[in-house]
Amino acid sequence: LDPGEWLLVADWCGEASEVAERQGDDAEAADLRWTAVAAMEEVRKFVPAGGDVIPESAFWSTRGRTVYQRDPGRFRRRRLEVIRDFYLNDMPWSPS
């Protein structure tokens, strides 16, 4: 998967976690959020060392390039970190 496709995975899992939470399935919501976090970590691997943004050349799939072209700003290091942290901090359960 290229970074755009990984971001789609994170988006889909984040949205599905909200649905699961509304349905009262906290365990499923948490699993989906953890998957979203893992997908965000995969996206972040494409940011070059010492860089702030994933280069356009990293997007090789049609789907990934489409995601990039819609909003290239989503692939800046700081924005990726903010999204990841949102998924981490918005867990629908609390540790016991």
Protein backbone atom coordinates (compact mmCIF):
# COMPACT_ATOMS: atom_id res chain seq x y z
CA LEU A 1 0.00 0.00 0.00
CA ASP A 2 1.16 3.54 -0.64
CA PRO A 3 0.64 6.37 1.90
CA GLY A 4 -2.65 7.47 0.38
CA GLU A 5 -4.08 3.98 0.66
CA TRP A 6 -2.89 3.66 4.27
CA LEU A 7 -4.59 6.97 5.04
CA LEU A 8 -7.81 5.61 3.57
CA VAL A 9 -7.52 2.58 5.88
CA ALA A 10 -7.13 4.92 8.85
CA ASP A 11 -10.11 7.03 7.72
CA TRP A 12 -12.33 3.99 7.20
CA CYS A 13 -11.40 2.48 10.55
CA GLY A 14 -11.88 5.81 12.32
CA GLU A 15 -15.34 6.21 10.82
CA ALA A 16 -16.28 2.60 11.57
CA SER A 17 -15.13 3.05 15.17
CA GLU A 18 -17.56 5.94 15.57
CA VAL A 19 -20.39 3.75 14.29
CA ALA A 20 -19.41 0.93 16.65
CA GLU A 21 -19.27 3.36 19.55
CA ARG A 22 -22.75 4.73 18.76
CA GLN A 23 -24.00 1.16 18.71
CA GLY A 24 -22.54 0.56 22.15
CA ASP A 25 -19.81 -1.83 21.00
CA ASP A 26 -16.88 -0.29 22.85
CA ALA A 27 -14.56 -3.25 22.25
CA GLU A 28 -15.09 -3.11 18.49
CA ALA A 29 -14.66 0.67 18.53
CA ALA A 30 -11.37 0.33 20.39
CA ASP A 31 -10.10 -2.34 17.99
CA LEU A 32 -10.94 -0.13 15.04
CA ARG A 33 -9.22 2.88 16.59
CA TRP A 34 -6.08 0.82 17.23
CA THR A 35 -6.16 -0.24 13.58
CA ALA A 36 -6.48 3.42 12.57
CA VAL A 37 -3.46 4.26 14.74
CA ALA A 38 -1.45 1.45 13.14
CA ALA A 39 -2.42 2.67 9.67
CA MET A 40 -1.34 6.22 10.58
CA GLU A 41 2.03 4.84 11.68
CA GLU A 42 2.37 3.18 8.27
CA VAL A 43 1.62 6.51 6.57
CA ARG A 44 4.23 8.26 8.72
CA LYS A 45 6.91 5.82 7.53
CA PHE A 46 6.79 7.55 4.15
CA VAL A 47 7.93 10.91 5.58
CA PRO A 48 11.65 11.15 4.76
CA ALA A 49 14.07 11.39 7.67
CA GLY A 50 14.38 15.05 8.59
CA GLY A 51 11.49 15.91 6.28
CA ASP A 52 8.10 17.44 6.94
CA VAL A 53 6.02 16.06 4.09
CA ILE A 54 5.60 12.87 2.12
CA PRO A 55 6.81 13.52 -1.42
CA GLU A 56 4.31 13.16 -4.24
CA SER A 57 6.55 10.49 -5.78
CA ALA A 58 5.65 8.14 -2.87
CA PHE A 59 2.11 7.76 -4.23
CA TRP A 60 2.14 5.03 -6.87
CA SER A 61 -1.42 3.71 -6.86
CA THR A 62 -4.34 5.41 -8.59
CA ARG A 63 -6.31 5.43 -5.33
CA GLY A 64 -3.37 6.78 -3.32
CA ARG A 65 -2.64 9.53 -5.84
CA THR A 66 -6.33 10.52 -5.79
CA VAL A 67 -6.27 10.86 -1.99
CA TYR A 68 -3.08 12.93 -2.23
CA GLN A 69 -4.43 15.20 -4.97
CA ARG A 70 -7.63 15.92 -3.00
CA ASP A 71 -5.68 17.31 -0.04
CA PRO A 72 -1.87 17.16 -0.14
CA GLY A 73 -1.76 18.91 3.25
CA ARG A 74 -2.98 15.71 4.92
CA PHE A 75 0.48 14.26 4.29
CA ARG A 76 2.47 16.74 6.37
CA ARG A 77 4.23 15.23 9.38
CA ARG A 78 2.48 17.40 11.97
CA ARG A 79 -0.99 16.78 10.56
CA LEU A 80 -0.36 13.03 10.51
CA GLU A 81 0.70 13.20 14.16
CA VAL A 82 -2.41 15.16 15.13
CA ILE A 83 -4.68 12.60 13.46
CA ARG A 84 -2.86 9.70 15.08
CA ASP A 85 -3.04 11.37 18.48
CA PHE A 86 -6.77 11.99 18.02
CA TYR A 87 -7.34 8.27 17.51
CA LEU A 88 -5.19 7.49 20.55
CA ASN A 89 -6.83 10.03 22.82
CA ASP A 90 -10.40 9.41 21.71
CA MET A 91 -10.58 5.78 22.76
CA PRO A 92 -14.14 4.89 23.82
CA TRP A 93 -12.97 2.89 26.83
CA SER A 94 -10.88 3.63 29.84
CA PRO A 95 -8.16 1.38 31.22
CA SER A 96 -9.18 -0.55 34.32
